[in-house]
Amino acid sequence: GVEQILFNLVDNASKYALPHAELKVLALKVEQDRSFLVFHLSDSGPGISRSESKNLFRAFRRSAKDAAEAGAPGVGLGLALCRRIARQHGGDLRYCGNASGAAFELRMKVQSPSN
């Protein structure tokens, strides 16, 4: 699940943020917070508007027409699925506003090793 979510976030940054960024930076930081691994992923793109950020995790938030006009494929299903995967594993995915680009936080419950 973590791999699939991180892949989607990196893919989104590659499609939407980095082509428009002057300095192309994608940063990943991982830390442990109690029983969670916390992944912070941020990019150096133009960011996401406040109005758009309210609907980021809503499935099919973009119409096919919007996707075609934006020049980047996708109808807004990836982030909705990623959040669902995170929550099914006892975690969460959220957007964190960032002054210079977009930033996401993925919290995933640490699995205990089987004996």
N, C-alpha and C. Protein backbone atom coordinates (compact mmCIF):
# COMPACT_ATOMS: atom_id res chain seq x y z
N GLY A 1 0.81 -1.20 0.00
CA GLY A 1 0.00 0.00 0.00
C GLY A 1 0.85 1.26 0.00
N VAL A 2 1.92 1.26 0.83
CA VAL A 2 2.80 2.43 0.91
C VAL A 2 3.44 2.69 -0.45
N GLU A 3 3.92 1.63 -1.07
CA GLU A 3 4.57 1.76 -2.38
C GLU A 3 3.61 2.35 -3.41
N GLN A 4 2.39 1.88 -3.43
CA GLN A 4 1.40 2.35 -4.39
C GLN A 4 1.08 3.84 -4.16
N ILE A 5 0.93 4.24 -2.91
CA ILE A 5 0.62 5.63 -2.58
C ILE A 5 1.78 6.55 -2.93
N LEU A 6 2.99 6.16 -2.53
CA LEU A 6 4.15 6.99 -2.84
C LEU A 6 4.37 7.10 -4.34
N PHE A 7 4.16 6.00 -5.06
CA PHE A 7 4.28 6.04 -6.52
C PHE A 7 3.31 7.06 -7.11
N ASN A 8 2.07 7.04 -6.63
CA ASN A 8 1.06 7.97 -7.14
C ASN A 8 1.44 9.42 -6.84
N LEU A 9 1.93 9.70 -5.64
CA LEU A 9 2.32 11.06 -5.28
C LEU A 9 3.49 11.55 -6.12
N VAL A 10 4.48 10.68 -6.34
CA VAL A 10 5.63 11.06 -7.17
C VAL A 10 5.17 11.25 -8.62
N ASP A 11 4.31 10.38 -9.11
CA ASP A 11 3.79 10.50 -10.46
C ASP A 11 3.02 11.81 -10.63
N ASN A 12 2.19 12.15 -9.66
CA ASN A 12 1.45 13.42 -9.73
C ASN A 12 2.40 14.61 -9.76
N ALA A 13 3.42 14.59 -8.92
CA ALA A 13 4.39 15.70 -8.91
C ALA A 13 5.08 15.80 -10.26
N SER A 14 5.40 14.66 -10.85
CA SER A 14 6.07 14.65 -12.16
C SER A 14 5.17 15.21 -13.26
N LYS A 15 3.87 14.93 -13.18
CA LYS A 15 2.93 15.39 -14.20
C LYS A 15 2.52 16.84 -14.02
N TYR A 16 2.25 17.23 -12.77
CA TYR A 16 1.62 18.53 -12.53
C TYR A 16 2.56 19.61 -12.01
N ALA A 17 3.54 19.25 -11.22
CA ALA A 17 4.36 20.27 -10.55
C ALA A 17 5.71 20.50 -11.21
N LEU A 18 6.47 19.46 -11.38
CA LEU A 18 7.85 19.63 -11.82
C LEU A 18 8.01 20.22 -13.22
N PRO A 19 7.11 19.94 -14.18
CA PRO A 19 7.28 20.59 -15.48
C PRO A 19 7.19 22.12 -15.41
N HIS A 20 6.52 22.64 -14.39
CA HIS A 20 6.32 24.08 -14.25
C HIS A 20 7.28 24.72 -13.24
N ALA A 21 8.09 23.91 -12.60
CA ALA A 21 8.99 24.42 -11.56
C ALA A 21 10.30 24.90 -12.17
N GLU A 22 10.78 26.02 -11.67
CA GLU A 22 12.09 26.52 -12.11
C GLU A 22 13.19 25.59 -11.61
N LEU A 23 13.15 25.27 -10.33
CA LEU A 23 14.08 24.34 -9.72
C LEU A 23 13.30 23.07 -9.44
N LYS A 24 13.67 21.97 -10.06
CA LYS A 24 12.91 20.74 -9.96
C LYS A 24 13.38 19.91 -8.76
N VAL A 25 12.62 20.03 -7.66
CA VAL A 25 12.97 19.33 -6.43
C VAL A 25 11.76 18.55 -5.93
N LEU A 26 12.02 17.31 -5.58
CA LEU A 26 11.02 16.44 -4.97
C LEU A 26 11.68 15.87 -3.72
N ALA A 27 11.12 16.18 -2.55
CA ALA A 27 11.74 15.77 -1.29
C ALA A 27 10.86 14.76 -0.56
N LEU A 28 11.50 13.74 -0.01
CA LEU A 28 10.81 12.74 0.79
C LEU A 28 11.52 12.63 2.13
N LYS A 29 10.77 12.78 3.20
CA LYS A 29 11.31 12.64 4.55
C LYS A 29 10.44 11.61 5.27
N VAL A 30 11.06 10.70 5.98
CA VAL A 30 10.33 9.66 6.70
C VAL A 30 10.74 9.71 8.16
N GLU A 31 9.76 9.64 9.04
CA GLU A 31 10.03 9.61 10.48
C GLU A 31 9.03 8.69 11.16
N GLN A 32 9.35 8.29 12.37
CA GLN A 32 8.43 7.46 13.13
C GLN A 32 7.83 8.30 14.24
N ASP A 33 6.51 8.22 14.37
CA ASP A 33 5.76 8.93 15.39
C ASP A 33 4.91 7.90 16.12
N ARG A 34 5.36 7.49 17.28
CA ARG A 34 4.71 6.43 18.05
C ARG A 34 4.57 5.17 17.21
N SER A 35 3.35 4.76 16.91
CA SER A 35 3.15 3.52 16.15
C SER A 35 2.89 3.80 14.66
N PHE A 36 3.32 4.97 14.18
CA PHE A 36 3.13 5.33 12.78
C PHE A 36 4.44 5.66 12.11
N LEU A 37 4.56 5.29 10.84
CA LEU A 37 5.60 5.84 9.98
C LEU A 37 4.95 7.02 9.27
N VAL A 38 5.64 8.15 9.24
CA VAL A 38 5.09 9.35 8.63
C VAL A 38 5.99 9.73 7.46
N PHE A 39 5.42 9.76 6.27
CA PHE A 39 6.12 10.12 5.05
C PHE A 39 5.69 11.53 4.66
N HIS A 40 6.65 12.43 4.49
CA HIS A 40 6.40 13.79 4.05
C HIS A 40 6.96 13.92 2.64
N LEU A 41 6.11 14.20 1.67
CA LEU A 41 6.55 14.35 0.29
C LEU A 41 6.18 15.75 -0.17
N SER A 42 7.17 16.49 -0.65
CA SER A 42 6.90 17.85 -1.13
C SER A 42 7.62 18.08 -2.44
N ASP A 43 7.08 19.03 -3.23
CA ASP A 43 7.68 19.36 -4.51
C ASP A 43 7.89 20.86 -4.61
N SER A 44 8.57 21.28 -5.65
CA SER A 44 8.89 22.70 -5.83
C SER A 44 8.07 23.33 -6.95
N GLY A 45 6.92 22.73 -7.24
CA GLY A 45 6.06 23.25 -8.30
C GLY A 45 5.27 24.46 -7.85
N PRO A 46 4.26 24.82 -8.63
CA PRO A 46 3.46 26.01 -8.32
C PRO A 46 2.50 25.83 -7.16
N GLY A 47 2.33 24.62 -6.68
CA GLY A 47 1.42 24.38 -5.56
C GLY A 47 0.00 24.14 -6.02
N ILE A 48 -0.88 24.03 -5.06
CA ILE A 48 -2.29 23.75 -5.31
C ILE A 48 -3.10 24.86 -4.67
N SER A 49 -4.02 25.43 -5.42
CA SER A 49 -4.83 26.53 -4.90
C SER A 49 -5.69 26.05 -3.73
N ARG A 50 -6.06 26.97 -2.88
CA ARG A 50 -6.89 26.64 -1.72
C ARG A 50 -8.22 26.03 -2.16
N SER A 51 -8.82 26.59 -3.21
CA SER A 51 -10.11 26.06 -3.66
C SER A 51 -9.95 24.64 -4.23
N GLU A 52 -8.88 24.40 -4.95
CA GLU A 52 -8.65 23.07 -5.50
C GLU A 52 -8.29 22.06 -4.41
N SER A 53 -7.58 22.50 -3.39
CA SER A 53 -7.15 21.59 -2.33
C SER A 53 -8.33 21.02 -1.55
N LYS A 54 -9.46 21.72 -1.54
CA LYS A 54 -10.64 21.24 -0.81
C LYS A 54 -11.23 19.99 -1.44
N ASN A 55 -10.97 19.77 -2.72
CA ASN A 55 -11.55 18.63 -3.44
C ASN A 55 -10.53 17.59 -3.88
N LEU A 56 -9.29 17.71 -3.42
CA LEU A 56 -8.23 16.82 -3.89
C LEU A 56 -8.55 15.34 -3.72
N PHE A 57 -9.20 14.99 -2.64
CA PHE A 57 -9.42 13.58 -2.33
C PHE A 57 -10.82 13.10 -2.72
N ARG A 58 -11.55 13.92 -3.47
CA ARG A 58 -12.87 13.54 -3.94
C ARG A 58 -12.71 12.80 -5.27
N ALA A 59 -13.27 11.62 -5.36
CA ALA A 59 -13.14 10.81 -6.57
C ALA A 59 -13.78 11.51 -7.77
N PHE A 60 -13.13 11.40 -8.92
CA PHE A 60 -13.60 11.97 -10.18
C PHE A 60 -13.84 13.48 -10.08
N ARG A 61 -12.93 14.17 -9.39
CA ARG A 61 -13.08 15.62 -9.22
C ARG A 61 -12.82 16.38 -10.51
N ARG A 62 -12.18 15.73 -11.48
CA ARG A 62 -11.92 16.36 -12.78
C ARG A 62 -12.72 15.63 -13.84
N SER A 63 -13.30 16.40 -14.73
CA SER A 63 -14.01 15.79 -15.85
C SER A 63 -12.98 15.43 -16.93
N ALA A 64 -13.39 14.63 -17.88
CA ALA A 64 -12.49 14.28 -18.99
C ALA A 64 -12.10 15.54 -19.76
N LYS A 65 -13.03 16.48 -19.86
CA LYS A 65 -12.75 17.75 -20.55
C LYS A 65 -11.67 18.53 -19.79
N ASP A 66 -11.80 18.61 -18.45
CA ASP A 66 -10.79 19.30 -17.63
C ASP A 66 -9.42 18.66 -17.81
N ALA A 67 -9.38 17.34 -17.81
CA ALA A 67 -8.11 16.62 -17.96
C ALA A 67 -7.48 16.91 -19.31
N ALA A 68 -8.30 16.95 -20.35
CA ALA A 68 -7.78 17.22 -21.69
C ALA A 68 -7.26 18.65 -21.80
N GLU A 69 -7.98 19.60 -21.21
CA GLU A 69 -7.57 21.00 -21.27
C GLU A 69 -6.32 21.26 -20.44
N ALA A 70 -6.14 20.52 -19.36
CA ALA A 70 -4.99 20.73 -18.47
C ALA A 70 -3.70 20.20 -19.09
N GLY A 71 -3.82 19.33 -20.07
CA GLY A 71 -2.64 18.78 -20.71
C GLY A 71 -2.01 17.64 -19.92
N ALA A 72 -2.63 17.24 -18.84
CA ALA A 72 -2.13 16.12 -18.05
C ALA A 72 -3.28 15.13 -17.87
N PRO A 73 -3.02 13.84 -18.04
CA PRO A 73 -4.10 12.85 -17.94
C PRO A 73 -4.59 12.69 -16.52
N GLY A 74 -5.78 12.16 -16.39
CA GLY A 74 -6.32 11.84 -15.09
C GLY A 74 -7.60 12.59 -14.81
N VAL A 75 -8.51 11.90 -14.12
CA VAL A 75 -9.80 12.51 -13.79
C VAL A 75 -9.98 12.68 -12.29
N GLY A 76 -8.90 12.57 -11.53
CA GLY A 76 -8.99 12.83 -10.10
C GLY A 76 -9.37 11.62 -9.28
N LEU A 77 -8.93 10.47 -9.68
CA LEU A 77 -9.25 9.25 -8.94
C LEU A 77 -8.08 8.79 -8.08
N GLY A 78 -6.86 9.08 -8.48
CA GLY A 78 -5.66 8.56 -7.80
C GLY A 78 -5.57 8.92 -6.34
N LEU A 79 -5.73 10.19 -5.99
CA LEU A 79 -5.60 10.59 -4.59
C LEU A 79 -6.73 10.04 -3.73
N ALA A 80 -7.93 9.94 -4.31
CA ALA A 80 -9.04 9.35 -3.57
C ALA A 80 -8.74 7.89 -3.23
N LEU A 81 -8.20 7.15 -4.20
CA LEU A 81 -7.85 5.75 -3.96
C LEU A 81 -6.70 5.64 -2.96
N CYS A 82 -5.72 6.53 -3.07
CA CYS A 82 -4.59 6.50 -2.14
C CYS A 82 -5.04 6.74 -0.70
N ARG A 83 -5.93 7.69 -0.52
CA ARG A 83 -6.44 7.95 0.84
C ARG A 83 -7.19 6.73 1.36
N ARG A 84 -7.97 6.10 0.49
CA ARG A 84 -8.73 4.91 0.90
C ARG A 84 -7.77 3.79 1.32
N ILE A 85 -6.71 3.58 0.55
CA ILE A 85 -5.72 2.55 0.89
C ILE A 85 -5.09 2.86 2.25
N ALA A 86 -4.69 4.11 2.44
CA ALA A 86 -4.07 4.50 3.71
C ALA A 86 -5.01 4.23 4.88
N ARG A 87 -6.25 4.62 4.73
CA ARG A 87 -7.22 4.44 5.82
C ARG A 87 -7.55 2.97 6.06
N GLN A 88 -7.53 2.16 5.02
CA GLN A 88 -7.77 0.72 5.19
C GLN A 88 -6.65 0.06 5.98
N HIS A 89 -5.47 0.68 5.98
CA HIS A 89 -4.33 0.16 6.71
C HIS A 89 -4.11 0.90 8.02
N GLY A 90 -5.13 1.60 8.51
CA GLY A 90 -5.05 2.28 9.80
C GLY A 90 -4.28 3.59 9.76
N GLY A 91 -4.12 4.17 8.58
CA GLY A 91 -3.38 5.42 8.44
C GLY A 91 -4.23 6.50 7.81
N ASP A 92 -3.57 7.47 7.20
CA ASP A 92 -4.28 8.55 6.52
C ASP A 92 -3.34 9.25 5.55
N LEU A 93 -3.92 9.92 4.58
CA LEU A 93 -3.19 10.74 3.63
C LEU A 93 -3.83 12.10 3.64
N ARG A 94 -3.01 13.14 3.79
CA ARG A 94 -3.58 14.49 3.79
C ARG A 94 -2.66 15.44 3.04
N TYR A 95 -3.27 16.52 2.56
CA TYR A 95 -2.54 17.57 1.89
C TYR A 95 -2.13 18.60 2.93
N CYS A 96 -0.89 19.02 2.87
CA CYS A 96 -0.38 20.05 3.78
C CYS A 96 0.02 21.25 2.91
N GLY A 97 -0.60 22.36 3.11
CA GLY A 97 -0.24 23.54 2.33
C GLY A 97 1.26 23.80 2.43
N ASN A 98 1.84 24.27 1.35
CA ASN A 98 3.28 24.51 1.31
C ASN A 98 3.50 25.84 0.59
N ALA A 99 4.34 26.69 1.11
CA ALA A 99 4.58 28.00 0.52
C ALA A 99 5.18 27.89 -0.88
N SER A 100 5.97 26.86 -1.12
CA SER A 100 6.62 26.73 -2.43
C SER A 100 6.38 25.33 -2.98
N GLY A 101 5.20 25.07 -3.46
CA GLY A 101 4.87 23.78 -4.03
C GLY A 101 3.79 23.07 -3.23
N ALA A 102 3.62 21.80 -3.50
CA ALA A 102 2.63 20.99 -2.81
C ALA A 102 3.33 20.07 -1.81
N ALA A 103 2.63 19.72 -0.76
CA ALA A 103 3.18 18.81 0.25
C ALA A 103 2.08 17.88 0.74
N PHE A 104 2.43 16.61 0.88
CA PHE A 104 1.50 15.61 1.37
C PHE A 104 2.13 14.88 2.55
N GLU A 105 1.26 14.42 3.45
CA GLU A 105 1.72 13.62 4.58
C GLU A 105 0.95 12.31 4.56
N LEU A 106 1.71 11.21 4.55
CA LEU A 106 1.14 9.87 4.61
C LEU A 106 1.52 9.26 5.95
N ARG A 107 0.52 8.89 6.73
CA ARG A 107 0.75 8.22 8.01
C ARG A 107 0.28 6.78 7.88
N MET A 108 1.19 5.85 8.16
CA MET A 108 0.84 4.44 8.07
C MET A 108 1.21 3.75 9.37
N LYS A 109 0.30 2.95 9.86
CA LYS A 109 0.51 2.22 11.10
C LYS A 109 1.64 1.22 10.90
N VAL A 110 2.55 1.17 11.84
CA VAL A 110 3.66 0.22 11.79
C VAL A 110 3.12 -1.16 12.10
N GLN A 111 3.41 -2.10 11.22
CA GLN A 111 2.97 -3.47 11.40
C GLN A 111 3.93 -4.20 12.34
N SER A 112 3.40 -4.93 13.28
CA SER A 112 4.24 -5.74 14.16
C SER A 112 4.69 -6.97 13.40
N PRO A 113 5.99 -7.33 13.54
CA PRO A 113 6.46 -8.53 12.84
C PRO A 113 5.79 -9.78 13.42
N SER A 114 5.47 -10.72 12.54
CA SER A 114 4.85 -11.98 12.97
C SER A 114 5.90 -12.87 13.60
N ASN A 115 5.50 -13.61 14.60
CA ASN A 115 6.42 -14.55 15.26
C ASN A 115 6.21 -15.94 14.75
